[in-house]
Protein backbone atom coordinates (compact mmCIF):
# COMPACT_ATOMS: atom_id res chain seq x y z
CA UNK A 1 12.96 49.67 -18.95
CA UNK A 2 15.78 47.10 -19.02
CA UNK A 3 15.42 46.57 -15.29
CA UNK A 4 11.66 45.93 -15.68
CA UNK A 5 12.34 43.47 -18.52
CA UNK A 6 14.96 41.65 -16.46
CA UNK A 7 12.62 41.38 -13.45
CA UNK A 8 9.74 40.20 -15.64
CA UNK A 9 11.93 37.67 -17.44
CA UNK A 10 13.33 36.43 -14.12
CA UNK A 11 9.83 36.05 -12.63
CA UNK A 12 8.60 34.23 -15.73
CA UNK A 13 11.55 31.83 -15.63
CA UNK A 14 11.00 31.20 -11.90
CA UNK A 15 7.32 30.42 -12.47
CA UNK A 16 8.13 28.08 -15.36
CA UNK A 17 10.78 26.38 -13.26
CA UNK A 18 8.37 25.97 -10.33
CA UNK A 19 5.69 24.50 -12.60
CA UNK A 20 8.21 22.07 -14.08
CA UNK A 21 9.47 21.15 -10.59
CA UNK A 22 6.04 20.01 -9.45
CA UNK A 23 6.41 16.28 -9.04
CA UNK A 24 3.88 13.53 -8.48
CA UNK A 25 0.82 13.82 -6.28
CA UNK A 26 -0.01 11.38 -3.49
CA UNK A 27 -2.23 8.62 -4.84
CA UNK A 28 -4.95 6.98 -2.76
CA UNK A 29 -6.69 3.68 -3.18
CA UNK A 30 -9.38 1.92 -1.15
CA UNK A 31 -11.05 -1.41 -1.84
CA UNK A 32 -13.74 -3.13 0.24
CA UNK A 33 -15.22 -6.62 0.29
CA UNK A 34 -18.21 -7.73 2.36
CA UNK A 35 -17.87 -11.36 3.37
CA UNK A 36 -20.27 -14.05 4.50
CA UNK A 37 -18.47 -14.52 7.82
CA UNK A 38 -18.31 -12.83 11.18
CA UNK A 39 -15.75 -10.07 11.72
CA UNK A 40 -13.98 -12.22 14.33
CA UNK A 41 -13.62 -15.13 11.88
CA UNK A 42 -12.11 -12.88 9.22
CA UNK A 43 -9.86 -11.06 11.71
CA UNK A 44 -8.56 -14.43 12.89
CA UNK A 45 -7.51 -15.14 9.29
CA UNK A 46 -5.96 -11.76 8.36
CA UNK A 47 -5.25 -9.97 11.63
CA UNK A 48 -1.78 -11.34 12.26
CA UNK A 49 0.88 -8.97 10.93
CA UNK A 50 3.38 -11.83 10.87
CA UNK A 51 1.19 -14.06 8.66
CA UNK A 52 0.14 -13.16 5.12
CA UNK A 53 -0.47 -16.77 4.08
CA UNK A 54 -4.09 -15.87 3.28
CA UNK A 55 -2.91 -13.80 0.29
CA UNK A 56 -2.32 -15.80 -2.92
CA UNK A 57 0.64 -13.66 -4.02
CA UNK A 58 2.72 -14.31 -0.90
CA UNK A 59 5.00 -17.36 -0.82
CA UNK A 60 6.05 -16.79 2.81
CA UNK A 61 6.24 -14.13 5.50
CA UNK A 62 9.43 -13.69 7.48
CA UNK A 63 9.21 -11.78 10.77
CA UNK A 64 12.17 -9.60 11.78
CA UNK A 65 12.72 -7.29 14.71
CA UNK A 66 11.22 -8.35 18.00
CA UNK A 67 7.76 -8.90 16.48
CA UNK A 68 6.14 -6.91 19.26
CA UNK A 69 2.72 -5.52 18.44
CA UNK A 70 2.93 -3.56 21.71
CA UNK A 71 5.75 -1.54 20.16
CA UNK A 72 4.72 -1.53 16.50
CA UNK A 73 7.84 0.18 15.15
CA UNK A 74 9.86 -2.87 16.25
CA UNK A 75 7.74 -5.28 14.20
CA UNK A 76 9.00 -5.82 10.67
CA UNK A 77 7.96 -8.39 8.09
CA UNK A 78 9.51 -9.43 4.82
CA UNK A 79 7.02 -10.68 2.28
CA UNK A 80 8.51 -13.17 -0.16
CA UNK A 81 6.41 -12.97 -3.29
CA UNK A 82 5.46 -15.84 -5.55
CA UNK A 83 7.44 -15.35 -8.75
CA UNK A 84 8.78 -17.31 -11.69
CA UNK A 85 12.33 -16.11 -11.07
CA UNK A 86 14.32 -14.74 -8.19
CA UNK A 87 13.01 -13.97 -4.73
CA UNK A 88 11.26 -10.59 -4.92
CA UNK A 89 10.51 -9.18 -1.48
CA UNK A 90 8.70 -6.31 0.18
CA UNK A 91 9.79 -5.19 3.66
CA UNK A 92 7.06 -3.64 5.80
CA UNK A 93 6.97 -2.05 9.25
CA UNK A 94 3.92 -2.20 11.51
CA UNK A 95 2.98 1.38 12.42
CA UNK A 96 -0.30 0.96 14.34
CA UNK A 97 -1.85 -2.07 16.02
CA UNK A 98 -5.53 -1.89 17.06
CA UNK A 99 -6.88 -5.42 17.60
CA UNK A 100 -9.89 -4.06 19.52
CA UNK A 101 -10.90 -2.30 16.29
CA UNK A 102 -9.70 -5.22 14.12
CA UNK A 103 -7.30 -2.95 12.31
CA UNK A 104 -3.60 -2.44 11.73
CA UNK A 105 -1.50 0.03 9.75
CA UNK A 106 1.86 -0.51 8.12
CA UNK A 107 4.28 1.10 5.71
CA UNK A 108 6.68 -0.24 3.12
CA UNK A 109 10.23 0.19 4.27
CA UNK A 110 11.95 -1.38 1.28
CA UNK A 111 10.82 -2.53 -2.17
CA UNK A 112 12.36 -2.46 -5.62
CA UNK A 113 10.17 -0.32 -7.91
CA UNK A 114 10.49 -3.09 -10.50
CA UNK A 115 8.58 -5.31 -8.04
CA UNK A 116 6.03 -2.69 -6.91
CA UNK A 117 6.21 0.75 -8.61
CA UNK A 118 5.50 2.86 -5.51
CA UNK A 119 7.32 5.00 -2.98
CA UNK A 120 6.28 6.33 0.44
CA UNK A 121 3.55 3.69 0.74
CA UNK A 122 1.41 3.49 3.88
CA UNK A 123 -1.62 1.27 4.31
CA UNK A 124 -4.33 0.07 6.68
CA UNK A 125 -6.15 -3.25 6.73
CA UNK A 126 -9.36 -3.30 8.77
CA UNK A 127 -12.32 -5.59 9.38
CA UNK A 128 -15.62 -3.88 10.21
CA UNK A 129 -18.85 -5.37 11.51
CA UNK A 130 -21.81 -4.73 9.24
CA UNK A 131 -24.80 -6.49 10.72
CA UNK A 132 -22.83 -9.54 11.80
CA UNK A 133 -20.99 -9.78 8.46
CA UNK A 134 -17.39 -8.71 7.97
CA UNK A 135 -16.35 -5.98 5.59
CA UNK A 136 -12.64 -5.87 4.86
CA UNK A 137 -11.33 -2.43 3.93
CA UNK A 138 -7.81 -2.13 2.53
CA UNK A 139 -6.62 1.39 1.86
CA UNK A 140 -3.33 3.02 1.00
CA UNK A 141 -1.65 6.29 0.18
CA UNK A 142 1.54 6.30 -1.90
CA UNK A 143 3.50 7.97 -4.66
CA UNK A 144 4.36 6.45 -8.01
CA UNK A 145 7.70 4.71 -8.38
CA UNK A 146 9.34 7.49 -10.41
CA UNK A 147 9.63 10.64 -8.29
CA UNK A 148 10.31 13.16 -11.06
CA UNK A 149 8.42 14.48 -14.07
CA UNK A 150 7.93 12.34 -17.19
CA UNK A 151 8.00 8.89 -15.56
CA UNK A 152 8.50 5.78 -17.67
CA UNK A 153 5.25 3.89 -18.32
CA UNK A 154 6.09 1.15 -15.79
CA UNK A 155 6.56 3.70 -12.96
CA UNK A 156 3.81 6.27 -13.63
CA UNK A 157 0.60 6.92 -11.66
CA UNK A 158 -1.43 4.40 -13.65
CA UNK A 159 1.16 1.67 -13.14
CA UNK A 160 1.28 2.34 -9.39
CA UNK A 161 -2.53 2.30 -9.04
CA UNK A 162 -2.83 -0.83 -11.17
CA UNK A 163 -0.14 -2.69 -9.18
CA UNK A 164 -1.52 -1.84 -5.74
CA UNK A 165 -5.11 -2.42 -6.93
CA UNK A 166 -4.11 -5.82 -8.30
CA UNK A 167 -2.56 -6.87 -4.99
CA UNK A 168 -5.58 -5.71 -3.02
CA UNK A 169 -8.08 -7.29 -5.38
CA UNK A 170 -6.24 -10.63 -5.36
CA UNK A 171 -6.30 -10.66 -1.56
CA UNK A 172 -9.96 -9.68 -1.33
CA UNK A 173 -10.90 -12.24 -3.99
CA UNK A 174 -9.08 -14.95 -2.00
CA UNK A 175 -11.04 -13.95 1.11
CA UNK A 176 -14.32 -14.00 -0.86
CA UNK A 177 -13.47 -17.49 -2.11
CA UNK A 178 -12.64 -18.64 1.41
CA UNK A 179 -15.60 -17.08 3.24
CA UNK A 180 -18.06 -16.31 0.44
CA UNK A 181 -19.35 -12.90 -0.58
CA UNK A 182 -22.14 -11.39 1.47
CA UNK A 183 -25.10 -9.79 -0.21
């Protein structure tokens, strides 16, 4: 009987420990904006990995590495964000370059979670043709900034989704202001 109790207690503790060890789930976000411009016009504005000047939150983009889109892993950009204090940055690596599809993929290599509360962030930015009008699709997968259970409010799932969604929406709004929204 004692052996059965010990096995049962051990199994119960292992299950409780496993449940407690379950960390965050991968979050996904996708935003679209249909614009009153051709896909080529919009791609000309946003399709350069080394230039994020179209986004209102970016003060400047600094290209590092060899900048080769033929070998994406060698192309790295540092985004200097507009801020009241300091010089917050996000370092990103180009992971896929498909100009024929008007699309590129990238991942964040380095960011302070106080600047953007995410980890393991990967994203794509694409321009699709919808009847001669451009639709920009920006999508990402990422984890919240705090990798363990019980995250602080500024690094939980909601904070991560809100931060990434805010960046995407600001960029799409700037494009809609520049090109106009399509009906």
